């Protein structure tokens, strides 16, 4: 690529900070850098037309973990680690709401619900038995009980009559969120260059040489915020995980309001006005969904439609309007990775499917490594 003198002068000369990835983490990192270094030159590189990964493709859940997820996490992490994870997610949500504003987020505090299919009786009993314990360990953080049992008033089919309610959960508009954070970046003189894929980089000690195909430029510091696409960068500490989603056309007199989880969070749905957004099913094909390729599969889409018809909207007509997928970054631990890769290269990745909750915080922590 032959750049003009003007392009080189204005975009690719005297760069202080280059952020790779224009999702929640990347843009919050750039905004935090602007706060800390008001006169610096900051650019953000994005390989897609819009932010790739999951930042513009997620379901818009302002959540920090369902009861069954937390109980499951305690089997693989210490109690202290789990509490710290939940605290990060909660602090991240507060930071997001503060920076973006509830009106811009279209934040709706409808609360969250977890339901249990009749075939998951063991999980249901475990959750109801351990509910008081989980409330006890979370009370210092929330100053109130987080989870309570309520009778299902939504008319779900094939589930236990009680659901678990969480009043601290809410909905956001993912598109509005990302539009607002992009506006803030532009207003803060942060250059965002789309359809620019980093193909190589080299930290030579004093700066980093970055390759965009055939073209290279130098930056003082390089920050990666590529989450689901960070496997090679982290030597396998981050694995991609695809999440498939569908949304219905408007449904007359839809009575569902809130965010809903079941099967340890592997399935999730919510209303968007009079529509239902429903996603999940990765547990049907862990191997097939461990990919950074976008797309939908018949096995998962069929399961989503079946559950929508038989469990969520029984005896109700609906039409699927649209389907899509997003790419998350998971790993052996749910702790995010925020660390230097070399003297001048840093990364903030492995958000564990909780990008809305912790993305703003991880972006801030990433920028604070400088």
Protein backbone atom coordinates (compact mmCIF):
# COMPACT_ATOMS: atom_id res chain seq x y z
CA UNK A 1 0.00 0.00 0.00
CA UNK A 2 1.44 3.34 -1.08
CA UNK A 3 0.41 6.04 1.39
CA UNK A 4 0.60 9.72 0.55
CA UNK A 5 2.76 12.21 2.40
CA UNK A 6 -0.40 13.59 4.04
CA UNK A 7 -1.59 10.17 5.23
CA UNK A 8 1.79 9.36 6.73
CA UNK A 9 2.09 12.79 8.38
CA UNK A 10 -1.39 12.92 9.92
CA UNK A 11 -2.09 9.30 10.76
CA UNK A 12 1.15 7.35 11.06
CA UNK A 13 3.80 9.73 12.42
CA UNK A 14 4.71 10.34 16.08
CA UNK A 15 2.18 7.84 17.41
CA UNK A 16 2.27 7.43 21.17
CA UNK A 17 -0.33 4.71 21.70
CA UNK A 18 -1.87 2.21 19.30
CA UNK A 19 -4.83 0.16 20.50
CA UNK A 20 -5.80 -2.94 18.52
CA UNK A 21 -9.55 -3.59 18.73
CA UNK A 22 -12.35 -1.00 18.83
CA UNK A 23 -14.70 -2.94 21.11
CA UNK A 24 -15.63 -2.13 24.70
CA UNK A 25 -12.14 -2.86 26.04
CA UNK A 26 -10.21 -1.10 23.29
CA UNK A 27 -12.22 2.12 23.31
CA UNK A 28 -12.23 2.35 27.10
CA UNK A 29 -8.47 1.82 27.05
CA UNK A 30 -8.09 4.63 24.51
CA UNK A 31 -10.33 6.97 26.52
CA UNK A 32 -8.39 6.20 29.70
CA UNK A 33 -5.11 6.91 27.88
CA UNK A 34 -6.53 10.25 26.78
CA UNK A 35 -7.39 11.07 30.41
CA UNK A 36 -3.87 10.21 31.55
CA UNK A 37 -1.97 11.65 28.60
CA UNK A 38 -4.00 14.59 27.26
CA UNK A 39 -1.51 15.63 24.57
CA UNK A 40 -0.65 12.18 23.23
CA UNK A 41 -1.41 10.82 19.77
CA UNK A 42 -3.70 7.77 20.04
CA UNK A 43 -4.95 5.54 17.23
CA UNK A 44 -7.28 2.55 17.35
CA UNK A 45 -7.02 -0.17 14.71
CA UNK A 46 -10.07 -2.29 13.91
CA UNK A 47 -10.00 -5.19 11.48
CA UNK A 48 -13.73 -5.00 10.74
CA UNK A 49 -16.12 -2.41 9.38
CA UNK A 50 -17.62 -2.41 12.90
CA UNK A 51 -16.05 -3.77 16.10
CA UNK A 52 -15.55 -7.51 15.64
CA UNK A 53 -15.86 -10.13 18.36
CA UNK A 54 -18.82 -9.58 20.66
CA UNK A 55 -18.99 -5.88 21.52
CA UNK A 56 -21.72 -5.09 18.96
CA UNK A 57 -23.13 -8.64 18.88
CA UNK A 58 -23.87 -9.46 22.54
CA UNK A 59 -27.33 -9.81 24.06
CA UNK A 60 -27.16 -6.63 26.14
CA UNK A 61 -27.25 -8.21 29.60
CA UNK A 62 -26.07 -6.00 32.46
CA UNK A 63 -25.36 -9.03 34.63
CA UNK A 64 -22.58 -10.49 36.78
CA UNK A 65 -23.51 -14.19 36.95
CA UNK A 66 -26.56 -16.35 37.57
CA UNK A 67 -26.84 -18.36 40.80
CA UNK A 68 -26.01 -21.65 39.07
CA UNK A 69 -22.98 -20.08 37.32
CA UNK A 70 -21.61 -18.83 40.64
CA UNK A 71 -22.13 -22.20 42.30
CA UNK A 72 -20.41 -23.87 39.34
CA UNK A 73 -17.51 -21.38 39.51
CA UNK A 74 -16.97 -22.27 43.17
CA UNK A 75 -16.16 -25.82 42.09
CA UNK A 76 -13.16 -24.61 40.07
CA UNK A 77 -12.15 -21.36 41.79
CA UNK A 78 -11.64 -20.41 45.41
CA UNK A 79 -14.38 -18.49 47.24
CA UNK A 80 -12.13 -15.43 47.31
CA UNK A 81 -11.51 -15.64 43.53
CA UNK A 82 -15.23 -15.92 42.78
CA UNK A 83 -16.08 -12.94 44.99
CA UNK A 84 -13.31 -10.91 43.33
CA UNK A 85 -14.66 -11.84 39.89
CA UNK A 86 -18.18 -10.74 40.83
CA UNK A 87 -16.81 -7.53 42.33
CA UNK A 88 -14.93 -6.78 39.10
CA UNK A 89 -18.09 -7.34 37.07
CA UNK A 90 -20.18 -5.17 39.38
CA UNK A 91 -17.60 -2.36 39.45
CA UNK A 92 -17.29 -2.65 35.67
CA UNK A 93 -21.03 -2.23 35.20
CA UNK A 94 -21.03 0.84 37.42
CA UNK A 95 -18.10 2.30 35.46
CA UNK A 96 -19.89 1.61 32.16
CA UNK A 97 -23.09 3.27 33.36
CA UNK A 98 -21.14 6.26 34.66
CA UNK A 99 -19.20 6.78 31.43
CA UNK A 100 -22.01 6.11 28.95
CA UNK A 101 -25.02 7.19 31.02
CA UNK A 102 -28.19 5.19 31.63
CA UNK A 103 -30.16 7.17 29.03
CA UNK A 104 -27.59 6.43 26.32
CA UNK A 105 -27.45 2.78 27.39
CA UNK A 106 -31.25 2.61 27.46
CA UNK A 107 -30.66 0.86 30.79
CA UNK A 108 -33.75 -0.93 32.11
CA UNK A 109 -33.54 -2.30 35.67
CA UNK A 110 -36.06 -5.08 35.11
CA UNK A 111 -34.05 -7.58 37.13
CA UNK A 112 -32.84 -11.02 36.09
CA UNK A 113 -34.36 -14.48 36.41
CA UNK A 114 -32.99 -18.00 36.33
CA UNK A 115 -35.32 -20.84 35.45
CA UNK A 116 -34.73 -24.58 35.64
CA UNK A 117 -35.98 -27.19 33.22
CA UNK A 118 -37.70 -30.15 34.86
CA UNK A 119 -34.91 -32.37 33.53
CA UNK A 120 -32.39 -30.35 35.57
CA UNK A 121 -33.78 -31.23 39.00
CA UNK A 122 -30.31 -31.77 40.51
CA UNK A 123 -29.22 -28.27 39.52
CA UNK A 124 -32.48 -26.79 40.82
CA UNK A 125 -32.13 -28.46 44.24
CA UNK A 126 -28.47 -27.49 44.49
CA UNK A 127 -29.27 -23.85 43.74
CA UNK A 128 -32.19 -23.59 46.14
CA UNK A 129 -30.14 -25.26 48.88
CA UNK A 130 -27.07 -23.05 48.39
CA UNK A 131 -28.96 -19.80 47.78
CA UNK A 132 -28.63 -18.59 51.43
CA UNK A 133 -24.87 -19.29 51.39
CA UNK A 134 -24.31 -17.36 48.15
CA UNK A 135 -26.33 -14.43 49.50
CA UNK A 136 -24.21 -14.48 52.65
CA UNK A 137 -20.86 -14.29 50.82
CA UNK A 138 -22.14 -11.55 48.47
CA UNK A 139 -23.80 -9.39 51.12
CA UNK A 140 -20.63 -7.39 51.94
CA UNK A 141 -20.52 -6.35 48.27
CA UNK A 142 -24.21 -5.64 47.60
CA UNK A 143 -25.40 -4.80 51.15
CA UNK A 144 -28.53 -6.88 50.49
CA UNK A 145 -29.62 -10.34 49.40
CA UNK A 146 -28.90 -10.83 45.71
CA UNK A 147 -30.97 -13.94 44.98
CA UNK A 148 -34.47 -14.96 46.04
CA UNK A 149 -37.03 -17.59 45.03
CA UNK A 150 -40.16 -16.41 43.25
CA UNK A 151 -43.06 -18.22 41.69
CA UNK A 152 -42.85 -18.28 37.87
CA UNK A 153 -45.38 -15.69 36.67
CA UNK A 154 -44.33 -15.78 33.02
CA UNK A 155 -46.07 -19.00 31.97
CA UNK A 156 -42.96 -20.96 30.99
CA UNK A 157 -43.50 -24.62 30.18
CA UNK A 158 -41.53 -27.63 31.42
CA UNK A 159 -39.78 -25.74 34.22
CA UNK A 160 -39.95 -25.80 38.01
CA UNK A 161 -42.58 -23.49 39.45
CA UNK A 162 -40.00 -21.35 41.23
CA UNK A 163 -37.45 -19.09 39.51
CA UNK A 164 -34.46 -17.34 41.06
CA UNK A 165 -34.75 -13.54 40.94
CA UNK A 166 -31.86 -11.05 41.00
CA UNK A 167 -32.95 -7.39 41.36
CA UNK A 168 -29.46 -6.06 40.48
CA UNK A 169 -29.57 -7.22 36.87
CA UNK A 170 -30.72 -5.10 33.93
CA UNK A 171 -30.87 -4.65 30.17
CA UNK A 172 -28.90 -2.33 27.93
CA UNK A 173 -29.04 -1.46 24.24
CA UNK A 174 -25.75 -2.81 22.87
CA UNK A 175 -25.91 -0.71 19.70
CA UNK A 176 -26.53 2.51 21.62
CA UNK A 177 -23.68 1.68 23.99
CA UNK A 178 -21.13 1.21 21.25
CA UNK A 179 -22.30 4.24 19.27
CA UNK A 180 -21.88 6.44 22.34
CA UNK A 181 -18.42 5.15 23.25
CA UNK A 182 -17.33 5.60 19.61
CA UNK A 183 -18.64 9.18 19.70
CA UNK A 184 -16.68 9.84 22.89
CA UNK A 185 -13.51 8.46 21.31
CA UNK A 186 -13.85 10.70 18.26
CA UNK A 187 -14.70 13.72 20.45
CA UNK A 188 -11.48 13.05 22.38
CA UNK A 189 -9.32 13.18 19.24
CA UNK A 190 -8.76 9.43 19.09
CA UNK A 191 -8.23 8.24 15.51
CA UNK A 192 -10.16 5.07 14.64
CA UNK A 193 -9.07 3.24 11.51
CA UNK A 194 -11.35 0.42 10.36
CA UNK A 195 -10.54 -2.59 8.20
CA UNK A 196 -6.93 -2.53 9.41
CA UNK A 197 -5.64 -5.95 10.49
CA UNK A 198 -2.35 -6.17 12.36
CA UNK A 199 -0.36 -8.92 10.64
CA UNK A 200 2.86 -8.63 12.67
CA UNK A 201 4.58 -6.52 15.30
CA UNK A 202 8.06 -6.21 16.76
CA UNK A 203 9.08 -4.53 20.01
CA UNK A 204 12.58 -3.21 19.37
CA UNK A 205 13.00 -1.78 22.86
CA UNK A 206 12.41 1.90 22.14
CA UNK A 207 9.17 1.49 20.14
CA UNK A 208 7.06 -1.10 18.36
CA UNK A 209 6.98 -1.64 14.62
CA UNK A 210 3.49 -2.65 13.50
CA UNK A 211 2.64 -4.23 10.16
CA UNK A 212 -0.71 -3.71 8.43
CA UNK A 213 -0.29 -6.01 5.45
CA UNK A 214 2.52 -4.50 3.35
CA UNK A 215 2.62 -1.23 5.28
CA UNK A 216 4.47 -0.69 8.59
CA UNK A 217 4.54 2.14 11.10
CA UNK A 218 6.02 2.78 14.55
CA UNK A 219 4.28 3.41 17.84
CA UNK A 220 5.68 3.97 21.32
CA UNK A 221 3.25 1.53 22.95
CA UNK A 222 0.97 -1.17 21.51
CA UNK A 223 -2.13 -2.38 23.38
CA UNK A 224 -4.12 -5.44 22.28
CA UNK A 225 -7.84 -5.58 23.16
CA UNK A 226 -8.80 -8.41 20.83
CA UNK A 227 -10.35 -10.85 23.37
CA UNK A 228 -11.78 -13.77 21.35
CA UNK A 229 -9.03 -13.39 18.73
CA UNK A 230 -6.15 -13.46 21.22
CA UNK A 231 -5.26 -17.17 21.17
CA UNK A 232 -1.97 -16.80 19.31
CA UNK A 233 -1.12 -13.63 21.21
CA UNK A 234 -1.44 -15.38 24.59
CA UNK A 235 -0.02 -18.78 23.54
CA UNK A 236 -3.37 -20.48 24.01
CA UNK A 237 -4.38 -18.89 27.31
CA UNK A 238 -7.43 -17.51 25.49
CA UNK A 239 -9.68 -19.75 23.41
CA UNK A 240 -12.32 -18.41 21.03
CA UNK A 241 -15.92 -19.37 21.75
CA UNK A 242 -18.75 -18.61 19.35
CA UNK A 243 -22.16 -17.61 20.67
CA UNK A 244 -25.19 -17.95 18.39
CA UNK A 245 -28.22 -15.70 18.73
CA UNK A 246 -31.63 -15.20 17.14
CA UNK A 247 -34.32 -12.57 17.48
CA UNK A 248 -38.03 -12.74 16.73
CA UNK A 249 -40.25 -10.29 14.94
CA UNK A 250 -42.45 -8.21 17.31
CA UNK A 251 -44.89 -10.39 19.24
CA UNK A 252 -48.27 -8.79 20.10
CA UNK A 253 -48.94 -8.45 23.84
CA UNK A 254 -45.58 -9.92 24.85
CA UNK A 255 -45.55 -10.11 28.66
CA UNK A 256 -41.88 -10.94 29.25
CA UNK A 257 -39.70 -8.18 30.68
CA UNK A 258 -36.24 -8.86 32.06
CA UNK A 259 -33.15 -10.91 31.47
CA UNK A 260 -33.40 -14.69 31.78
CA UNK A 261 -30.90 -17.53 32.11
CA UNK A 262 -31.09 -21.30 32.31
CA UNK A 263 -28.83 -24.35 32.13
CA UNK A 264 -25.93 -22.68 34.05
CA UNK A 265 -26.05 -19.67 31.77
CA UNK A 266 -25.56 -21.63 28.56
CA UNK A 267 -28.95 -20.28 27.42
CA UNK A 268 -30.13 -16.70 27.85
CA UNK A 269 -33.02 -14.61 26.57
CA UNK A 270 -34.60 -11.21 27.06
CA UNK A 271 -37.22 -8.95 25.59
CA UNK A 272 -36.25 -6.08 23.32
CA UNK A 273 -39.50 -4.18 23.27
CA UNK A 274 -41.98 -6.75 21.94
CA UNK A 275 -39.30 -9.05 20.52
CA UNK A 276 -37.46 -11.95 22.14
CA UNK A 277 -33.71 -12.25 21.74
CA UNK A 278 -32.53 -15.79 22.52
CA UNK A 279 -28.98 -17.09 22.45
CA UNK A 280 -26.73 -19.89 23.64
CA UNK A 281 -26.44 -23.63 23.06
CA UNK A 282 -22.65 -23.68 22.90
CA UNK A 283 -22.73 -26.68 25.25
CA UNK A 284 -24.33 -28.76 22.47
CA UNK A 285 -21.06 -28.66 20.52
CA UNK A 286 -18.15 -27.31 22.54
CA UNK A 287 -15.61 -28.41 19.95
CA UNK A 288 -17.47 -26.96 16.97
CA UNK A 289 -18.11 -23.65 18.76
CA UNK A 290 -14.46 -23.21 19.80
CA UNK A 291 -13.92 -21.13 16.67
CA UNK A 292 -13.26 -17.54 15.70
CA UNK A 293 -15.34 -17.95 12.54
CA UNK A 294 -18.73 -16.26 12.52
CA UNK A 295 -21.74 -18.32 11.49
CA UNK A 296 -24.71 -20.38 12.64
CA UNK A 297 -25.16 -24.14 12.83
CA UNK A 298 -28.31 -26.18 12.39
CA UNK A 299 -27.92 -28.17 15.61
CA UNK A 300 -27.85 -25.04 17.78
CA UNK A 301 -30.37 -22.97 15.84
CA UNK A 302 -32.85 -25.89 15.86
CA UNK A 303 -32.41 -26.25 19.62
CA UNK A 304 -32.95 -22.54 20.18
CA UNK A 305 -36.14 -22.61 18.12
CA UNK A 306 -37.39 -25.71 19.92
CA UNK A 307 -36.81 -24.22 23.38
CA UNK A 308 -38.39 -20.95 22.27
CA UNK A 309 -41.48 -22.80 21.09
CA UNK A 310 -41.82 -25.37 23.87
CA UNK A 311 -40.47 -23.60 26.98
CA UNK A 312 -40.35 -19.82 26.58
CA UNK A 313 -43.34 -19.05 24.35
CA UNK A 314 -45.63 -22.09 24.59
CA UNK A 315 -48.91 -21.77 22.70
CA UNK A 316 -47.76 -18.51 21.14
CA UNK A 317 -47.02 -17.77 17.50
CA UNK A 318 -43.71 -16.14 16.61
CA UNK A 319 -41.49 -15.64 13.57
CA UNK A 320 -37.68 -15.56 13.58
CA UNK A 321 -36.53 -12.25 12.14
CA UNK A 322 -32.74 -12.50 12.23
CA UNK A 323 -29.79 -14.66 13.36
CA UNK A 324 -26.15 -13.84 14.08
CA UNK A 325 -23.13 -14.87 16.12
CA UNK A 326 -20.37 -13.29 18.21
CA UNK A 327 -16.94 -14.43 19.32
CA UNK A 328 -16.05 -14.51 23.02
CA UNK A 329 -12.69 -15.15 24.69
CA UNK A 330 -12.61 -17.94 27.30
CA UNK A 331 -9.90 -19.93 29.05
CA UNK A 332 -9.03 -22.33 31.85
CA UNK A 333 -9.63 -19.52 34.34
CA UNK A 334 -12.33 -16.87 34.35
CA UNK A 335 -9.84 -14.27 35.52
CA UNK A 336 -9.15 -11.74 32.75
CA UNK A 337 -5.61 -11.40 31.42
CA UNK A 338 -4.28 -7.87 31.74
CA UNK A 339 -0.52 -7.92 31.43
CA UNK A 340 2.58 -6.75 29.53
CA UNK A 341 3.72 -9.02 26.68
CA UNK A 342 7.01 -7.13 26.40
CA UNK A 343 8.39 -3.73 27.42
CA UNK A 344 6.11 -1.83 25.04
CA UNK A 345 3.33 -4.31 24.22
CA UNK A 346 0.34 -5.03 26.48
CA UNK A 347 -2.93 -6.97 26.35
CA UNK A 348 -6.34 -6.97 28.04
CA UNK A 349 -8.21 -10.13 27.03
CA UNK A 350 -10.14 -13.25 28.21
CA UNK A 351 -13.36 -11.62 29.37
CA UNK A 352 -15.10 -14.96 29.88
CA UNK A 353 -18.37 -14.00 28.22
CA UNK A 354 -18.77 -11.01 30.56
CA UNK A 355 -17.62 -8.23 28.23
CA UNK A 356 -20.50 -5.87 29.00
CA UNK A 357 -19.83 -6.22 32.73
CA UNK A 358 -16.04 -6.00 32.79
CA UNK A 359 -15.03 -4.56 29.43
CA UNK A 360 -14.86 -0.96 30.62
CA UNK A 361 -12.88 -1.94 33.71
CA UNK A 362 -10.43 -4.15 31.79
CA UNK A 363 -9.89 -1.36 29.26
CA UNK A 364 -9.08 1.02 32.09
CA UNK A 365 -6.73 -1.47 33.75
CA UNK A 366 -5.03 -2.09 30.39
CA UNK A 367 -4.35 1.62 29.90
CA UNK A 368 -3.10 1.89 33.48
CA UNK A 369 -0.35 -0.65 32.72
CA UNK A 370 1.43 2.12 30.80
